[in-house]
Amino acid sequence: MTRMLRNSLLANLRGGAARAAHLGPRSGGVLFAASVAAVAWRELESRRVTRADLAGDDVRVERLIDLRNDRENLDRLERALRTEWGEFGLLGFASIDELTAEAGRNVFVARVLEDGRWLAKGACQTTLVNVHGDPNLLRRAFGSFQDLTSRDAFHRARARGGDTAVLLQIAVFAEGERGIGLGSLLRSTVLHMLDADVRYALTTTPVDTDNGAAGLKLGDPKSFTPSMRFHARGGAVPTLVLPGFKTPHGAGPSRHGTDIVVMRYARDERGEWPVKRPEMRLRSMGPLEESLLRAVRRVRSLGGQGQPEPIVAPAHTA
């Protein structure tokens, strides 16, 4: 592993070293040192939060992409997401593996430690858009939930990011877990795992009533659905109703309404979310560490070894 990391560093420094070779000893040394500093700075600046350990280390929230070798939990997730959200469960992808490959960095999974096993119990599916927290800009950019979760949309989110996270779907899978606060913990943790340049979060909350959004009054909390109250308790404000935004293409019945209400979270002037930050330890990883991890996983896969727990960078409290 040390040799692999060294080779990765050398590959990143090769360009600077080649240029330094054409200069004198002093100038070349300065240029090479600058290249080393640039690589180190990139590693620090580009680190992403990969995991949060919570509740006395009995709960983990991590990104789906980092569970891509965990077949047991991938299968659990696919079954649970399809049961909860029907055709929207995998956000338009044919399988959990496709979802992981295309949008796995923006899907967060809550796993709970039970009898020595980390079992997936919930998921928060997100994407990134650059709409400055404005629901009307979101509506103009995406005419439907299918547009918002298309391959092209996820590709743009992956390549360009955005200042606004869209909380597409949040679900706790086991019925017995829904009254113990795992959903709130997952939602709050995800907000605090987002990059600092994500200033807003919008929801696409289904209006699960017999009459859709007909009796909903955004200014009257008494008319809110349970899902709306869930987000309101976290500091989100209902801002816009989108009738029929989440209409399935299939003819089968859906457990959720087709009308959605957009609720808005925003950081304050200090950069804090309105929802309290859970007590948690964050783990992060830089680009070189990610490259190393991918290489190690490939070697283990080719060697026929089992499915070990993901390797992670040392924990830090943020």
Protein backbone atom coordinates (compact mmCIF):
# COMPACT_ATOMS: atom_id res chain seq x y z
CA MET A 1 0.00 0.00 0.00
CA THR A 2 2.87 2.39 0.80
CA ARG A 3 4.41 1.70 -2.61
CA MET A 4 1.07 2.33 -4.33
CA LEU A 5 0.60 5.64 -2.55
CA ARG A 6 4.16 6.66 -3.37
CA ASN A 7 3.61 5.84 -7.04
CA SER A 8 0.39 7.83 -7.08
CA LEU A 9 2.18 10.84 -5.60
CA LEU A 10 5.01 10.51 -8.08
CA ALA A 11 2.56 10.41 -10.97
CA ASN A 12 1.01 13.67 -9.80
CA LEU A 13 4.44 15.28 -9.40
CA ARG A 14 5.90 14.02 -12.68
CA GLY A 15 4.97 17.14 -14.63
CA GLY A 16 6.54 19.47 -12.09
CA ALA A 17 9.68 17.37 -11.88
CA ALA A 18 10.09 17.35 -15.66
CA ARG A 19 9.86 21.12 -15.79
CA ALA A 20 12.27 21.47 -12.88
CA ALA A 21 14.87 19.38 -14.72
CA HIS A 22 15.28 22.12 -17.33
CA LEU A 23 16.13 24.74 -14.71
CA GLY A 24 19.13 25.31 -12.50
CA PRO A 25 19.47 23.52 -9.13
CA ARG A 26 18.00 26.37 -7.11
CA SER A 27 15.13 27.25 -9.46
CA GLY A 28 14.41 23.59 -10.13
CA GLY A 29 14.31 22.82 -6.43
CA VAL A 30 11.92 25.69 -5.81
CA LEU A 31 9.65 24.56 -8.63
CA PHE A 32 9.62 20.95 -7.44
CA ALA A 33 8.86 22.05 -3.87
CA ALA A 34 6.02 24.15 -5.22
CA SER A 35 4.67 21.10 -7.05
CA VAL A 36 4.77 19.05 -3.86
CA ALA A 37 2.95 21.83 -2.01
CA ALA A 38 0.33 22.06 -4.77
CA VAL A 39 -0.37 18.31 -4.60
CA ALA A 40 -0.63 18.45 -0.81
CA TRP A 41 -2.94 21.47 -0.98
CA ARG A 42 -5.17 19.75 -3.52
CA GLU A 43 -5.37 16.70 -1.28
CA LEU A 44 -6.49 18.88 1.63
CA GLU A 45 -8.85 21.12 -0.35
CA SER A 46 -10.52 18.27 -2.23
CA ARG A 47 -11.24 16.04 0.76
CA ARG A 48 -14.83 14.93 0.99
CA VAL A 49 -16.69 13.68 4.02
CA THR A 50 -17.30 9.97 3.48
CA ARG A 51 -18.83 8.87 6.76
CA ALA A 52 -20.30 10.02 10.04
CA ASP A 53 -20.27 7.85 13.16
CA LEU A 54 -23.13 8.62 15.56
CA ALA A 55 -25.06 7.43 18.61
CA GLY A 56 -22.12 5.91 20.43
CA ASP A 57 -20.78 4.47 17.16
CA ASP A 58 -23.86 2.26 16.72
CA VAL A 59 -25.11 4.26 13.70
CA ARG A 60 -23.22 5.18 10.55
CA VAL A 61 -24.25 7.48 7.75
CA GLU A 62 -22.14 6.98 4.64
CA ARG A 63 -22.29 7.43 0.91
CA LEU A 64 -23.67 4.65 -1.24
CA ILE A 65 -20.60 4.71 -3.49
CA ASP A 66 -18.51 3.53 -0.52
CA LEU A 67 -20.77 0.48 -0.08
CA ARG A 68 -20.44 -0.68 -3.68
CA ASN A 69 -18.72 -3.93 -2.64
CA ASP A 70 -21.21 -4.71 0.14
CA ARG A 71 -23.56 -7.07 -1.70
CA GLU A 72 -25.73 -7.85 1.30
CA ASN A 73 -26.60 -4.23 2.00
CA LEU A 74 -26.94 -3.31 -1.67
CA ASP A 75 -29.59 -6.00 -2.03
CA ARG A 76 -31.32 -4.82 1.16
CA LEU A 77 -31.35 -1.27 -0.17
CA GLU A 78 -32.76 -2.24 -3.55
CA ARG A 79 -35.65 -4.18 -2.03
CA ALA A 80 -36.47 -1.49 0.51
CA LEU A 81 -36.26 1.42 -1.93
CA ARG A 82 -38.51 -0.31 -4.46
CA THR A 83 -41.02 -1.14 -1.73
CA GLU A 84 -41.09 2.41 -0.39
CA TRP A 85 -40.97 4.45 -3.61
CA GLY A 86 -42.08 2.11 -6.40
CA GLU A 87 -40.67 3.10 -9.77
CA PHE A 88 -38.93 6.10 -8.18
CA GLY A 89 -37.03 3.92 -5.71
CA LEU A 90 -33.86 3.69 -7.79
CA LEU A 91 -34.31 7.18 -9.30
CA GLY A 92 -34.91 5.80 -12.77
CA PHE A 93 -31.95 3.41 -12.84
CA ALA A 94 -32.43 -0.25 -13.66
CA SER A 95 -30.56 -1.64 -10.66
CA ILE A 96 -28.93 -0.65 -7.40
CA ASP A 97 -25.55 -1.12 -9.08
CA GLU A 98 -26.40 1.48 -11.73
CA LEU A 99 -27.67 3.86 -9.05
CA THR A 100 -24.44 3.37 -7.13
CA ALA A 101 -22.26 4.02 -10.17
CA GLU A 102 -24.16 7.06 -11.46
CA ALA A 103 -25.37 8.78 -8.29
CA GLY A 104 -23.69 6.95 -5.41
CA ARG A 105 -21.84 10.00 -4.11
CA ASN A 106 -25.13 11.79 -3.51
CA VAL A 107 -27.04 8.92 -1.89
CA PHE A 108 -26.53 8.61 1.87
CA VAL A 109 -27.21 5.36 3.73
CA ALA A 110 -27.86 4.91 7.44
CA ARG A 111 -26.55 1.63 8.80
CA VAL A 112 -27.19 0.37 12.32
CA LEU A 113 -25.02 -2.11 14.21
CA GLU A 114 -27.08 -5.20 15.11
CA ASP A 115 -25.53 -8.42 16.41
CA GLY A 116 -22.15 -7.48 15.00
CA ARG A 117 -23.51 -6.63 11.51
CA TRP A 118 -23.94 -3.21 9.94
CA LEU A 119 -27.40 -3.30 8.35
CA ALA A 120 -28.87 -0.62 6.07
CA LYS A 121 -31.94 0.90 7.74
CA GLY A 122 -32.54 4.09 5.80
CA ALA A 123 -31.47 6.23 2.87
CA CYS A 124 -31.49 9.87 1.85
CA GLN A 125 -31.21 10.35 -1.91
CA THR A 126 -29.98 13.76 -3.04
CA THR A 127 -28.67 15.65 -6.03
CA LEU A 128 -26.99 19.02 -6.56
CA VAL A 129 -28.26 21.93 -8.64
CA ASN A 130 -27.18 25.54 -9.01
CA VAL A 131 -30.43 27.39 -8.33
CA HIS A 132 -29.35 29.54 -5.34
CA GLY A 133 -32.00 27.97 -3.13
CA ASP A 134 -34.81 29.32 -5.33
CA PRO A 135 -37.66 26.80 -5.85
CA ASN A 136 -38.92 28.73 -8.88
CA LEU A 137 -35.56 28.31 -10.60
CA LEU A 138 -35.75 24.62 -9.79
CA ARG A 139 -39.22 24.42 -11.37
CA ARG A 140 -38.05 26.21 -14.53
CA ALA A 141 -35.00 23.98 -14.87
CA PHE A 142 -36.81 20.67 -14.27
CA GLY A 143 -40.37 20.03 -15.34
CA SER A 144 -40.77 16.76 -13.47
CA PHE A 145 -39.12 14.45 -10.96
CA GLN A 146 -37.97 12.30 -13.89
CA ASP A 147 -36.17 15.31 -15.39
CA LEU A 148 -34.52 16.09 -12.06
CA THR A 149 -33.24 12.51 -11.75
CA SER A 150 -32.28 11.84 -15.36
CA ARG A 151 -28.82 10.54 -16.24
CA ASP A 152 -27.94 13.93 -17.76
CA ALA A 153 -29.01 15.71 -14.58
CA PHE A 154 -26.92 13.43 -12.41
CA HIS A 155 -23.98 13.82 -14.77
CA ARG A 156 -24.20 17.61 -14.41
CA ALA A 157 -24.45 17.28 -10.64
CA ARG A 158 -21.38 15.07 -10.58
CA ALA A 159 -19.35 17.30 -12.89
CA ARG A 160 -20.42 20.78 -11.79
CA GLY A 161 -21.89 20.43 -8.32
CA GLY A 162 -24.14 23.27 -7.20
CA ASP A 163 -24.99 25.57 -4.33
CA THR A 164 -28.27 23.76 -3.61
CA ALA A 165 -28.82 20.18 -2.51
CA VAL A 166 -32.17 18.64 -3.39
CA LEU A 167 -33.34 16.09 -0.84
CA LEU A 168 -35.14 13.85 -3.30
CA GLN A 169 -36.35 11.05 -1.03
CA ILE A 170 -35.80 10.14 2.62
CA ALA A 171 -36.94 6.80 3.97
CA VAL A 172 -36.45 4.63 7.04
CA PHE A 173 -37.08 1.05 5.96
CA ALA A 174 -38.08 -0.97 9.01
CA GLU A 175 -41.48 -0.02 10.40
CA GLY A 176 -40.19 -0.43 13.94
CA GLU A 177 -37.44 2.14 13.33
CA ARG A 178 -39.71 5.00 12.26
CA GLY A 179 -40.70 6.15 15.71
CA ILE A 180 -37.22 6.27 17.24
CA GLY A 181 -35.84 9.27 15.37
CA LEU A 182 -33.60 7.56 12.80
CA GLY A 183 -35.17 9.58 9.98
CA SER A 184 -34.46 12.89 11.73
CA LEU A 185 -30.95 11.77 12.59
CA LEU A 186 -30.32 10.79 8.98
CA ARG A 187 -31.69 14.08 7.60
CA SER A 188 -29.73 16.22 10.06
CA THR A 189 -26.50 14.27 9.51
CA VAL A 190 -26.74 14.54 5.72
CA LEU A 191 -27.12 18.31 5.89
CA HIS A 192 -23.99 18.55 8.02
CA MET A 193 -22.06 16.22 5.72
CA LEU A 194 -22.63 18.46 2.69
CA ASP A 195 -19.75 20.56 1.39
CA ALA A 196 -19.49 24.08 2.80
CA ASP A 197 -20.30 25.66 -0.57
CA VAL A 198 -23.76 24.02 -0.54
CA ARG A 199 -25.73 26.86 1.02
CA TYR A 200 -29.29 25.62 0.58
CA ALA A 201 -31.34 22.44 0.55
CA LEU A 202 -34.73 21.96 -1.12
CA THR A 203 -37.03 18.99 -0.64
CA THR A 204 -39.41 17.26 -3.04
CA THR A 205 -41.85 16.15 -0.35
CA PRO A 206 -44.88 14.18 -1.61
CA VAL A 207 -48.24 15.46 -0.40
CA ASP A 208 -49.71 12.18 0.83
CA THR A 209 -53.39 13.07 1.18
CA ASP A 210 -56.50 11.84 -0.63
CA ASN A 211 -57.01 15.27 -2.19
CA GLY A 212 -53.37 15.93 -3.00
CA ALA A 213 -52.38 19.54 -2.32
CA ALA A 214 -55.95 20.84 -2.61
CA GLY A 215 -56.37 21.49 1.13
CA LEU A 216 -52.78 22.52 1.79
CA LYS A 217 -52.03 26.04 3.00
CA LEU A 218 -48.32 26.81 3.11
CA GLY A 219 -48.78 29.43 5.80
CA ASP A 220 -50.89 27.23 8.08
CA PRO A 221 -48.95 24.52 9.97
CA LYS A 222 -52.25 22.87 10.90
CA SER A 223 -52.68 21.84 7.27
CA PHE A 224 -49.20 20.29 6.98
CA THR A 225 -48.82 16.60 6.27
CA PRO A 226 -46.64 14.46 8.60
CA SER A 227 -43.76 14.66 6.10
CA MET A 228 -44.01 18.44 6.01
CA ARG A 229 -44.01 18.61 9.81
CA PHE A 230 -40.93 16.38 9.80
CA HIS A 231 -39.01 18.96 7.76
CA ALA A 232 -40.55 21.95 9.54
CA ARG A 233 -39.21 20.63 12.85
CA GLY A 234 -35.76 20.79 11.28
CA GLY A 235 -36.20 24.44 10.29
CA ALA A 236 -37.38 24.03 6.69
CA VAL A 237 -39.96 26.45 5.32
CA PRO A 238 -42.63 25.36 2.78
CA THR A 239 -42.24 27.53 -0.30
CA LEU A 240 -43.90 26.05 -3.37
CA VAL A 241 -46.41 23.38 -4.42
CA LEU A 242 -45.76 21.52 -7.68
CA PRO A 243 -48.91 19.61 -8.76
CA GLY A 244 -48.20 16.33 -10.53
CA PHE A 245 -44.43 16.80 -10.31
CA LYS A 246 -43.94 13.19 -9.21
CA THR A 247 -46.41 11.35 -11.42
CA PRO A 248 -45.24 7.78 -12.16
CA HIS A 249 -44.94 6.64 -15.76
CA GLY A 250 -46.28 3.22 -14.84
CA ALA A 251 -49.95 2.44 -14.30
CA GLY A 252 -49.51 0.75 -10.91
CA PRO A 253 -50.58 2.42 -7.65
CA SER A 254 -48.08 4.47 -5.64
CA ARG A 255 -47.70 4.66 -1.87
CA HIS A 256 -47.13 8.41 -2.18
CA GLY A 257 -48.88 11.38 -3.72
CA THR A 258 -48.04 12.85 -7.10
CA ASP A 259 -48.16 16.48 -5.90
CA ILE A 260 -45.07 17.66 -4.07
CA VAL A 261 -44.26 20.59 -1.82
CA VAL A 262 -40.81 22.17 -1.92
CA MET A 263 -39.48 22.98 1.54
CA ARG A 264 -36.39 25.12 1.93
CA TYR A 265 -33.44 24.86 4.31
CA ALA A 266 -30.78 27.61 4.30
CA ARG A 267 -27.54 28.22 6.14
CA ASP A 268 -27.36 31.38 8.23
CA GLU A 269 -24.69 34.09 7.98
CA ARG A 270 -22.32 31.91 10.01
CA GLY A 271 -22.81 29.00 7.63
CA GLU A 272 -24.92 26.97 10.09
CA TRP A 273 -28.00 24.94 9.16
CA PRO A 274 -31.18 25.57 11.17
CA VAL A 275 -31.23 21.95 12.33
CA LYS A 276 -28.92 21.13 15.20
CA ARG A 277 -25.75 19.29 14.29
CA PRO A 278 -25.83 15.74 15.72
CA GLU A 279 -22.95 14.61 17.89
CA MET A 280 -20.82 12.76 15.39
CA ARG A 281 -17.32 11.97 14.24
CA LEU A 282 -16.66 12.66 10.58
CA ARG A 283 -14.31 10.72 8.36
CA SER A 284 -12.95 12.29 5.19
CA MET A 285 -10.83 11.23 2.24
CA GLY A 286 -8.72 12.99 -0.38
CA PRO A 287 -8.36 12.18 -4.10
CA LEU A 288 -5.10 10.24 -3.67
CA GLU A 289 -6.54 8.23 -0.80
CA GLU A 290 -9.60 7.43 -2.93
CA SER A 291 -7.36 6.26 -5.78
CA LEU A 292 -5.44 4.06 -3.37
CA LEU A 293 -8.65 2.63 -1.92
CA ARG A 294 -10.01 1.77 -5.38
CA ALA A 295 -6.74 0.01 -6.26
CA VAL A 296 -6.77 -2.00 -3.03
CA ARG A 297 -10.38 -3.03 -3.58
CA ARG A 298 -9.59 -4.16 -7.13
CA VAL A 299 -6.68 -6.26 -5.86
CA ARG A 300 -8.85 -7.83 -3.17
CA SER A 301 -11.61 -8.52 -5.67
CA LEU A 302 -9.21 -10.21 -8.09
CA GLY A 303 -7.74 -12.19 -5.22
CA GLY A 304 -11.14 -13.61 -4.32
CA GLN A 305 -11.09 -12.27 -0.81
CA GLY A 306 -14.37 -11.54 0.98
CA GLN A 307 -16.11 -8.23 1.40
CA PRO A 308 -14.18 -6.36 4.10
CA GLU A 309 -15.34 -3.19 5.77
CA PRO A 310 -14.36 -0.13 3.69
CA ILE A 311 -10.95 1.36 4.45
CA VAL A 312 -11.34 4.90 5.70
CA ALA A 313 -9.12 7.79 6.63
CA PRO A 314 -8.50 8.48 10.32
CA ALA A 315 -11.52 9.91 12.10
CA HIS A 316 -11.69 13.53 13.12
CA THR A 317 -14.31 15.51 14.95
CA ALA A 318 -15.58 18.42 12.91
